[in-house]
């Protein structure tokens, strides 16, 4: 199989595994303000948002599952483990090992690289000078949606809490032994739930995203373990290709005109 096509498929697996992990502010319709917004729910979400903005370096280990359609709309789950390291404003690394892929993502402030360890090929391209701008750029250019991008963008001072039409405080819940506030949020294209740690470190410990634009309303579920105190080895953000790895090109995302066949 053509190596460029293989990487396209790898990127598709990477994106499809995690795409609903991001609340889709970039894809939203105008918000319907008819829903009720519970002040207690928004207070918990805003505490999380404000705390994430104080973080300059952190790691996230997450176990994720995503609904996938097969055959005649039969819904199955695919699983993966994500390891993410962030050093703001301009370093980002992720390793995703799942049912169908083994991918690494490296951003060093200048270049973004996606490496398919199973296929031994990689693509690299110039990138903007910050994490937030790079996440936006790879989404727009290549259709790559980074795992848990919204929480990373919150830490990078981005406003991702837009077009909320309803918010409800569900109650207290424990995730991995940690007492959390369980909050449900509605936006035009998704419903999402987040479990936010109580106390001085209001970190998101679990997230469930339900995509409403598809008839089967697939879900993405992730439980998160955070490390905000350990130092991060700077070598993690440098990609040195293995001797047998082959460099190929990213496939650019089709424009709307190309998708419509015009």
Protein backbone atom coordinates (compact mmCIF):
# COMPACT_ATOMS: atom_id res chain seq x y z
CA UNK A 1 0.00 0.00 0.00
CA UNK A 2 1.25 3.51 -0.80
CA UNK A 3 2.99 4.92 2.30
CA UNK A 4 1.20 8.27 2.01
CA UNK A 5 -2.13 6.46 2.00
CA UNK A 6 -1.05 4.43 5.05
CA UNK A 7 -0.33 7.62 6.97
CA UNK A 8 -3.67 9.06 5.90
CA UNK A 9 -5.33 5.98 7.39
CA UNK A 10 -3.23 6.29 10.54
CA UNK A 11 -4.24 9.93 10.93
CA UNK A 12 -7.86 8.94 10.34
CA UNK A 13 -7.61 6.34 13.10
CA UNK A 14 -5.95 8.91 15.39
CA UNK A 15 -8.63 11.51 14.69
CA UNK A 16 -11.63 9.20 14.71
CA UNK A 17 -10.52 7.68 18.01
CA UNK A 18 -10.42 11.06 19.74
CA UNK A 19 -12.37 13.57 17.71
CA UNK A 20 -15.39 13.67 20.02
CA UNK A 21 -13.10 14.24 22.97
CA UNK A 22 -13.17 17.90 22.07
CA UNK A 23 -16.19 20.06 22.72
CA UNK A 24 -16.73 21.31 19.16
CA UNK A 25 -16.70 25.08 19.51
CA UNK A 26 -15.32 25.35 15.99
CA UNK A 27 -18.22 23.38 14.50
CA UNK A 28 -21.13 24.72 16.49
CA UNK A 29 -24.39 26.15 15.25
CA UNK A 30 -25.75 29.35 16.84
CA UNK A 31 -26.68 28.57 20.43
CA UNK A 32 -30.30 28.15 21.49
CA UNK A 33 -30.49 29.93 24.85
CA UNK A 34 -33.75 28.23 25.88
CA UNK A 35 -31.98 25.71 28.13
CA UNK A 36 -31.50 26.32 31.85
CA UNK A 37 -28.00 27.04 33.08
CA UNK A 38 -27.48 26.01 36.70
CA UNK A 39 -25.17 28.49 38.50
CA UNK A 40 -23.73 25.67 40.65
CA UNK A 41 -22.77 23.71 37.54
CA UNK A 42 -21.15 26.70 35.89
CA UNK A 43 -19.34 27.60 39.10
CA UNK A 44 -17.71 24.14 39.10
CA UNK A 45 -16.78 24.40 35.42
CA UNK A 46 -15.37 27.91 35.87
CA UNK A 47 -13.28 26.76 38.84
CA UNK A 48 -11.83 24.04 36.62
CA UNK A 49 -11.23 26.51 33.81
CA UNK A 50 -9.50 29.01 36.09
CA UNK A 51 -7.30 26.34 37.68
CA UNK A 52 -6.20 24.89 34.35
CA UNK A 53 -5.03 28.36 33.34
CA UNK A 54 -2.55 28.32 36.21
CA UNK A 55 -0.77 25.20 34.91
CA UNK A 56 2.42 25.64 32.91
CA UNK A 57 3.56 22.02 32.68
CA UNK A 58 1.63 18.81 33.29
CA UNK A 59 1.07 15.21 32.27
CA UNK A 60 -2.21 13.42 31.60
CA UNK A 61 -2.60 9.65 31.42
CA UNK A 62 -6.02 8.63 30.18
CA UNK A 63 -7.92 5.47 29.38
CA UNK A 64 -10.41 6.13 26.61
CA UNK A 65 -13.14 4.36 24.72
CA UNK A 66 -15.12 5.48 21.70
CA UNK A 67 -18.19 4.12 19.97
CA UNK A 68 -17.61 3.02 16.36
CA UNK A 69 -20.25 1.92 13.84
CA UNK A 70 -19.80 -1.33 11.92
CA UNK A 71 -21.99 -3.23 9.46
CA UNK A 72 -25.61 -2.03 9.66
CA UNK A 73 -25.10 0.64 12.32
CA UNK A 74 -24.02 -1.87 14.97
CA UNK A 75 -22.21 0.12 17.63
CA UNK A 76 -18.99 -1.27 19.14
CA UNK A 77 -16.33 0.25 21.39
CA UNK A 78 -12.69 0.82 20.58
CA UNK A 79 -10.21 1.47 23.37
CA UNK A 80 -6.91 3.28 23.72
CA UNK A 81 -4.46 4.63 26.28
CA UNK A 82 -3.16 8.18 25.94
CA UNK A 83 -0.04 9.67 27.49
CA UNK A 84 0.16 13.44 27.08
CA UNK A 85 2.89 15.85 28.26
CA UNK A 86 2.47 19.62 27.97
CA UNK A 87 4.98 22.37 28.62
CA UNK A 88 3.50 25.75 27.81
CA UNK A 89 3.66 27.76 25.74
CA UNK A 90 5.32 25.69 23.03
CA UNK A 91 5.92 22.00 23.81
CA UNK A 92 3.51 19.08 23.41
CA UNK A 93 3.86 15.30 23.24
CA UNK A 94 1.36 12.44 23.05
CA UNK A 95 1.55 8.69 22.69
CA UNK A 96 -1.65 6.82 21.84
CA UNK A 97 -1.67 3.03 21.91
CA UNK A 98 -5.01 1.55 20.93
CA UNK A 99 -6.79 -1.37 19.34
CA UNK A 100 -5.71 -0.32 15.85
CA UNK A 101 -2.77 2.09 16.13
CA UNK A 102 0.43 3.06 17.93
CA UNK A 103 1.03 6.74 17.27
CA UNK A 104 3.27 9.48 18.64
CA UNK A 105 2.70 13.21 18.28
CA UNK A 106 5.56 15.63 18.92
CA UNK A 107 5.55 19.45 18.83
CA UNK A 108 8.75 21.35 19.68
CA UNK A 109 7.66 24.94 19.11
CA UNK A 110 8.60 24.90 15.43
CA UNK A 111 7.64 21.56 13.92
CA UNK A 112 4.79 19.13 14.41
CA UNK A 113 5.49 15.43 13.78
CA UNK A 114 3.18 12.41 13.66
CA UNK A 115 4.95 9.04 13.87
CA UNK A 116 3.28 5.70 13.17
CA UNK A 117 5.42 3.26 15.16
CA UNK A 118 3.71 0.20 13.68
CA UNK A 119 4.15 1.30 10.06
CA UNK A 120 7.58 2.91 10.59
CA UNK A 121 6.73 6.13 8.79
CA UNK A 122 6.26 9.72 9.89
CA UNK A 123 5.21 13.13 8.62
CA UNK A 124 6.50 16.50 9.78
CA UNK A 125 5.48 20.06 8.97
CA UNK A 126 6.18 23.61 10.17
CA UNK A 127 3.90 24.71 12.99
CA UNK A 128 2.86 27.96 14.72
CA UNK A 129 4.82 29.12 17.80
CA UNK A 130 2.32 28.10 20.50
CA UNK A 131 0.47 24.96 21.55
CA UNK A 132 -2.98 26.50 21.17
CA UNK A 133 -2.31 27.83 17.67
CA UNK A 134 -0.76 24.53 16.62
CA UNK A 135 -3.81 22.55 17.77
CA UNK A 136 -6.01 24.87 15.69
CA UNK A 137 -3.68 24.61 12.69
CA UNK A 138 -3.49 20.81 12.53
CA UNK A 139 -7.25 20.60 12.89
CA UNK A 140 -7.80 23.02 10.02
CA UNK A 141 -5.04 21.76 7.71
CA UNK A 142 -5.06 18.02 8.27
CA UNK A 143 -8.25 17.19 10.15
CA UNK A 144 -6.26 16.01 13.19
CA UNK A 145 -8.05 16.53 16.50
CA UNK A 146 -5.65 16.20 19.42
CA UNK A 147 -6.78 14.11 22.43
CA UNK A 148 -8.38 16.18 25.19
CA UNK A 149 -7.57 19.34 23.27
CA UNK A 150 -10.10 21.50 25.12
CA UNK A 151 -8.46 20.98 28.50
CA UNK A 152 -5.06 21.78 27.00
CA UNK A 153 -6.43 24.90 25.34
CA UNK A 154 -8.02 25.99 28.64
CA UNK A 155 -4.57 25.85 30.23
CA UNK A 156 -3.28 27.94 27.30
CA UNK A 157 -5.80 30.69 28.14
CA UNK A 158 -8.20 29.83 25.31
CA UNK A 159 -11.95 30.39 25.76
CA UNK A 160 -13.61 27.08 24.90
CA UNK A 161 -16.74 27.46 27.06
CA UNK A 162 -18.83 28.95 24.30
CA UNK A 163 -22.39 28.34 23.13
CA UNK A 164 -23.51 26.52 26.27
CA UNK A 165 -27.28 26.15 26.09
CA UNK A 166 -27.85 24.19 29.30
CA UNK A 167 -25.84 23.16 32.35
CA UNK A 168 -26.87 20.97 35.24
CA UNK A 169 -25.26 20.02 38.52
CA UNK A 170 -25.78 16.26 38.90
CA UNK A 171 -24.20 15.85 42.32
CA UNK A 172 -21.22 14.38 44.13
CA UNK A 173 -19.40 11.37 42.69
CA UNK A 174 -16.11 9.54 43.23
CA UNK A 175 -13.68 8.84 40.37
CA UNK A 176 -10.68 6.66 41.26
CA UNK A 177 -11.30 7.45 44.91
CA UNK A 178 -11.36 11.24 44.32
CA UNK A 179 -14.44 13.21 45.36
CA UNK A 180 -15.79 15.11 42.34
CA UNK A 181 -18.58 17.40 41.23
CA UNK A 182 -20.52 15.78 38.38
CA UNK A 183 -21.69 18.35 35.83
CA UNK A 184 -23.67 17.95 32.60
CA UNK A 185 -23.31 20.51 29.78
CA UNK A 186 -25.32 20.91 26.59
CA UNK A 187 -24.04 22.61 23.45
CA UNK A 188 -25.63 22.65 19.99
CA UNK A 189 -23.83 19.57 18.64
CA UNK A 190 -22.85 17.68 21.79
CA UNK A 191 -23.86 16.81 25.31
CA UNK A 192 -20.93 16.37 27.64
CA UNK A 193 -20.42 15.39 31.23
CA UNK A 194 -17.38 16.19 33.32
CA UNK A 195 -16.37 15.04 36.79
CA UNK A 196 -14.35 17.84 38.46
CA UNK A 197 -12.18 17.19 41.49
CA UNK A 198 -13.28 19.04 44.61
CA UNK A 199 -10.91 21.12 46.69
CA UNK A 200 -7.83 23.11 45.78
CA UNK A 201 -7.06 21.23 42.55
CA UNK A 202 -10.30 21.21 40.49
CA UNK A 203 -9.01 19.00 37.69
CA UNK A 204 -11.27 17.09 35.28
CA UNK A 205 -11.12 13.42 36.29
CA UNK A 206 -13.56 11.96 33.78
CA UNK A 207 -15.33 13.18 30.67
CA UNK A 208 -18.14 11.71 28.59
CA UNK A 209 -18.98 13.31 25.23
CA UNK A 210 -22.13 12.40 23.30
CA UNK A 211 -22.21 13.52 19.66
CA UNK A 212 -25.76 14.53 18.73
CA UNK A 213 -25.16 15.15 15.03
CA UNK A 214 -25.10 11.40 14.30
CA UNK A 215 -28.25 9.24 14.53
CA UNK A 216 -26.61 6.69 16.85
CA UNK A 217 -25.24 9.45 19.13
CA UNK A 218 -21.81 7.84 19.72
CA UNK A 219 -19.99 8.47 22.97
CA UNK A 220 -16.40 9.12 23.92
CA UNK A 221 -15.41 8.27 27.51
CA UNK A 222 -12.10 9.09 29.18
CA UNK A 223 -10.81 8.80 32.73
CA UNK A 224 -7.86 11.07 33.47
CA UNK A 225 -4.91 10.89 35.86
CA UNK A 226 -2.98 14.15 36.23
CA UNK A 227 0.58 14.93 37.26
CA UNK A 228 1.14 18.66 37.75
CA UNK A 229 4.27 18.53 39.91
CA UNK A 230 6.86 16.25 38.28
CA UNK A 231 9.42 17.72 35.91
CA UNK A 232 9.21 16.79 32.24
CA UNK A 233 12.26 15.65 30.32
CA UNK A 234 12.82 18.17 27.49
CA UNK A 235 14.05 15.35 25.22
CA UNK A 236 10.48 14.11 25.04
CA UNK A 237 9.64 17.00 22.70
CA UNK A 238 12.41 16.16 20.22
CA UNK A 239 11.74 13.59 17.54
CA UNK A 240 14.64 11.58 16.20
CA UNK A 241 13.38 9.21 13.50
CA UNK A 242 14.48 5.57 13.76
CA UNK A 243 16.95 4.50 11.10
CA UNK A 244 14.33 2.41 9.32
CA UNK A 245 11.55 5.04 9.45
CA UNK A 246 10.40 6.63 6.18
CA UNK A 247 9.34 10.27 5.95
CA UNK A 248 6.20 11.02 3.95
CA UNK A 249 3.85 13.98 3.60
CA UNK A 250 0.80 14.95 5.58
CA UNK A 251 -2.42 14.75 3.58
CA UNK A 252 -4.14 18.12 3.62
CA UNK A 253 -7.79 18.23 4.60
CA UNK A 254 -10.19 18.50 1.67
CA UNK A 255 -11.88 21.86 1.23
CA UNK A 256 -15.67 22.10 1.27
CA UNK A 257 -15.61 22.61 -2.50
CA UNK A 258 -13.50 19.47 -2.96
CA UNK A 259 -15.77 17.46 -0.66
CA UNK A 260 -18.81 18.49 -2.72
CA UNK A 261 -17.06 17.48 -5.96
CA UNK A 262 -17.10 20.98 -7.44
